[in-house]
């Protein structure tokens, strides 16, 4: 039998995406704090969601890229 190779797994890019979601959630929570009581969730209805009295008031889809430029459009495979 030949030598076995060990595949390496790097979750760094995914972790950056999750940390970005948390930062977006905190920023929007500060902005939403003017409207009164609400709850904020990460990875429930969408990437970041806000609810007041059990009703969704904002649902956000976030996208983080490690590259300085990215081309998101309606036809982008990222969407």
C-alpha atoms as a PDB file:
ATOM      1  CA  UNK A   1       0.000   0.000   0.000  1.00  0.00           C
ATOM      2  CA  UNK A   2       1.130   3.533  -0.739  1.00  0.00           C
ATOM      3  CA  UNK A   3       1.665   6.307   1.716  1.00  0.00           C
ATOM      4  CA  UNK A   4      -1.473   7.843   3.112  1.00  0.00           C
ATOM      5  CA  UNK A   5      -1.876  11.586   2.959  1.00  0.00           C
ATOM      6  CA  UNK A   6      -3.502  13.634   5.639  1.00  0.00           C
ATOM      7  CA  UNK A   7      -5.816  16.332   4.369  1.00  0.00           C
ATOM      8  CA  UNK A   8      -5.491  19.604   6.185  1.00  0.00           C
ATOM      9  CA  UNK A   9      -8.571  21.522   7.187  1.00  0.00           C
ATOM     10  CA  UNK A  10      -8.500  25.250   7.721  1.00  0.00           C
ATOM     11  CA  UNK A  11     -11.569  26.904   9.210  1.00  0.00           C
ATOM     12  CA  UNK A  12      -9.957  30.339   9.408  1.00  0.00           C
ATOM     13  CA  UNK A  13     -12.075  31.898   6.663  1.00  0.00           C
ATOM     14  CA  UNK A  14     -15.278  30.492   8.167  1.00  0.00           C
ATOM     15  CA  UNK A  15     -14.334  31.795  11.599  1.00  0.00           C
ATOM     16  CA  UNK A  16     -13.738  35.266  10.153  1.00  0.00           C
ATOM     17  CA  UNK A  17     -17.213  35.115   8.616  1.00  0.00           C
ATOM     18  CA  UNK A  18     -18.825  34.199  11.951  1.00  0.00           C
ATOM     19  CA  UNK A  19     -16.920  36.941  13.771  1.00  0.00           C
ATOM     20  CA  UNK A  20     -18.074  39.400  11.098  1.00  0.00           C
ATOM     21  CA  UNK A  21     -21.691  38.343  11.746  1.00  0.00           C
ATOM     22  CA  UNK A  22     -21.257  39.075  15.445  1.00  0.00           C
ATOM     23  CA  UNK A  23     -19.799  42.513  14.691  1.00  0.00           C
ATOM     24  CA  UNK A  24     -22.685  43.319  12.333  1.00  0.00           C
ATOM     25  CA  UNK A  25     -25.152  42.116  14.980  1.00  0.00           C
ATOM     26  CA  UNK A  26     -23.584  44.382  17.612  1.00  0.00           C
ATOM     27  CA  UNK A  27     -23.555  47.395  15.294  1.00  0.00           C
ATOM     28  CA  UNK A  28     -27.194  46.921  14.320  1.00  0.00           C
ATOM     29  CA  UNK A  29     -28.148  46.283  17.961  1.00  0.00           C
ATOM     30  CA  UNK A  30     -26.732  49.690  18.858  1.00  0.00           C
ATOM     31  CA  UNK A  31     -28.753  51.270  16.053  1.00  0.00           C
ATOM     32  CA  UNK A  32     -31.924  49.343  16.941  1.00  0.00           C
ATOM     33  CA  UNK A  33     -31.634  50.195  20.647  1.00  0.00           C
ATOM     34  CA  UNK A  34     -33.576  53.400  20.002  1.00  0.00           C
ATOM     35  CA  UNK A  35     -36.790  51.497  19.235  1.00  0.00           C
ATOM     36  CA  UNK A  36     -37.109  49.746  22.595  1.00  0.00           C
ATOM     37  CA  UNK A  37     -36.904  46.108  23.595  1.00  0.00           C
ATOM     38  CA  UNK A  38     -35.801  43.566  21.011  1.00  0.00           C
ATOM     39  CA  UNK A  39     -33.793  40.382  20.711  1.00  0.00           C
ATOM     40  CA  UNK A  40     -30.956  39.691  18.317  1.00  0.00           C
ATOM     41  CA  UNK A  41     -30.001  36.249  16.989  1.00  0.00           C
ATOM     42  CA  UNK A  42     -27.113  34.984  14.906  1.00  0.00           C
ATOM     43  CA  UNK A  43     -27.676  32.027  12.531  1.00  0.00           C
ATOM     44  CA  UNK A  44     -31.397  31.534  13.240  1.00  0.00           C
ATOM     45  CA  UNK A  45     -33.765  33.024  10.658  1.00  0.00           C
ATOM     46  CA  UNK A  46     -30.763  34.259   8.674  1.00  0.00           C
ATOM     47  CA  UNK A  47     -27.223  35.394   9.444  1.00  0.00           C
ATOM     48  CA  UNK A  48     -28.434  38.100  11.839  1.00  0.00           C
ATOM     49  CA  UNK A  49     -32.051  38.674  12.835  1.00  0.00           C
ATOM     50  CA  UNK A  50     -33.898  41.020  15.170  1.00  0.00           C
ATOM     51  CA  UNK A  51     -37.263  40.374  16.800  1.00  0.00           C
ATOM     52  CA  UNK A  52     -39.592  42.516  18.876  1.00  0.00           C
ATOM     53  CA  UNK A  53     -42.542  40.911  20.669  1.00  0.00           C
ATOM     54  CA  UNK A  54     -41.914  37.672  18.753  1.00  0.00           C
ATOM     55  CA  UNK A  55     -42.155  39.348  15.341  1.00  0.00           C
ATOM     56  CA  UNK A  56     -39.138  39.732  13.026  1.00  0.00           C
ATOM     57  CA  UNK A  57     -38.231  43.379  12.523  1.00  0.00           C
ATOM     58  CA  UNK A  58     -34.995  42.944  10.549  1.00  0.00           C
ATOM     59  CA  UNK A  59     -33.273  40.003   8.894  1.00  0.00           C
ATOM     60  CA  UNK A  60     -29.749  40.508   7.601  1.00  0.00           C
ATOM     61  CA  UNK A  61     -27.643  38.455   5.212  1.00  0.00           C
ATOM     62  CA  UNK A  62     -23.946  39.168   5.733  1.00  0.00           C
ATOM     63  CA  UNK A  63     -20.986  38.440   3.501  1.00  0.00           C
ATOM     64  CA  UNK A  64     -17.347  38.649   4.523  1.00  0.00           C
ATOM     65  CA  UNK A  65     -14.462  38.275   2.097  1.00  0.00           C
ATOM     66  CA  UNK A  66     -10.772  37.977   2.900  1.00  0.00           C
ATOM     67  CA  UNK A  67     -10.006  39.573  -0.464  1.00  0.00           C
ATOM     68  CA  UNK A  68      -9.929  43.345  -0.719  1.00  0.00           C
ATOM     69  CA  UNK A  69     -12.333  43.336  -3.651  1.00  0.00           C
ATOM     70  CA  UNK A  70     -15.286  41.131  -4.376  1.00  0.00           C
ATOM     71  CA  UNK A  71     -17.903  41.190  -7.062  1.00  0.00           C
ATOM     72  CA  UNK A  72     -21.317  40.404  -5.651  1.00  0.00           C
ATOM     73  CA  UNK A  73     -24.207  40.663  -8.048  1.00  0.00           C
ATOM     74  CA  UNK A  74     -27.539  38.918  -8.626  1.00  0.00           C
ATOM     75  CA  UNK A  75     -25.746  36.217 -10.619  1.00  0.00           C
ATOM     76  CA  UNK A  76     -22.833  35.750  -8.226  1.00  0.00           C
ATOM     77  CA  UNK A  77     -22.297  32.170  -7.033  1.00  0.00           C
ATOM     78  CA  UNK A  78     -21.752  33.625  -3.528  1.00  0.00           C
ATOM     79  CA  UNK A  79     -25.473  34.444  -3.397  1.00  0.00           C
END
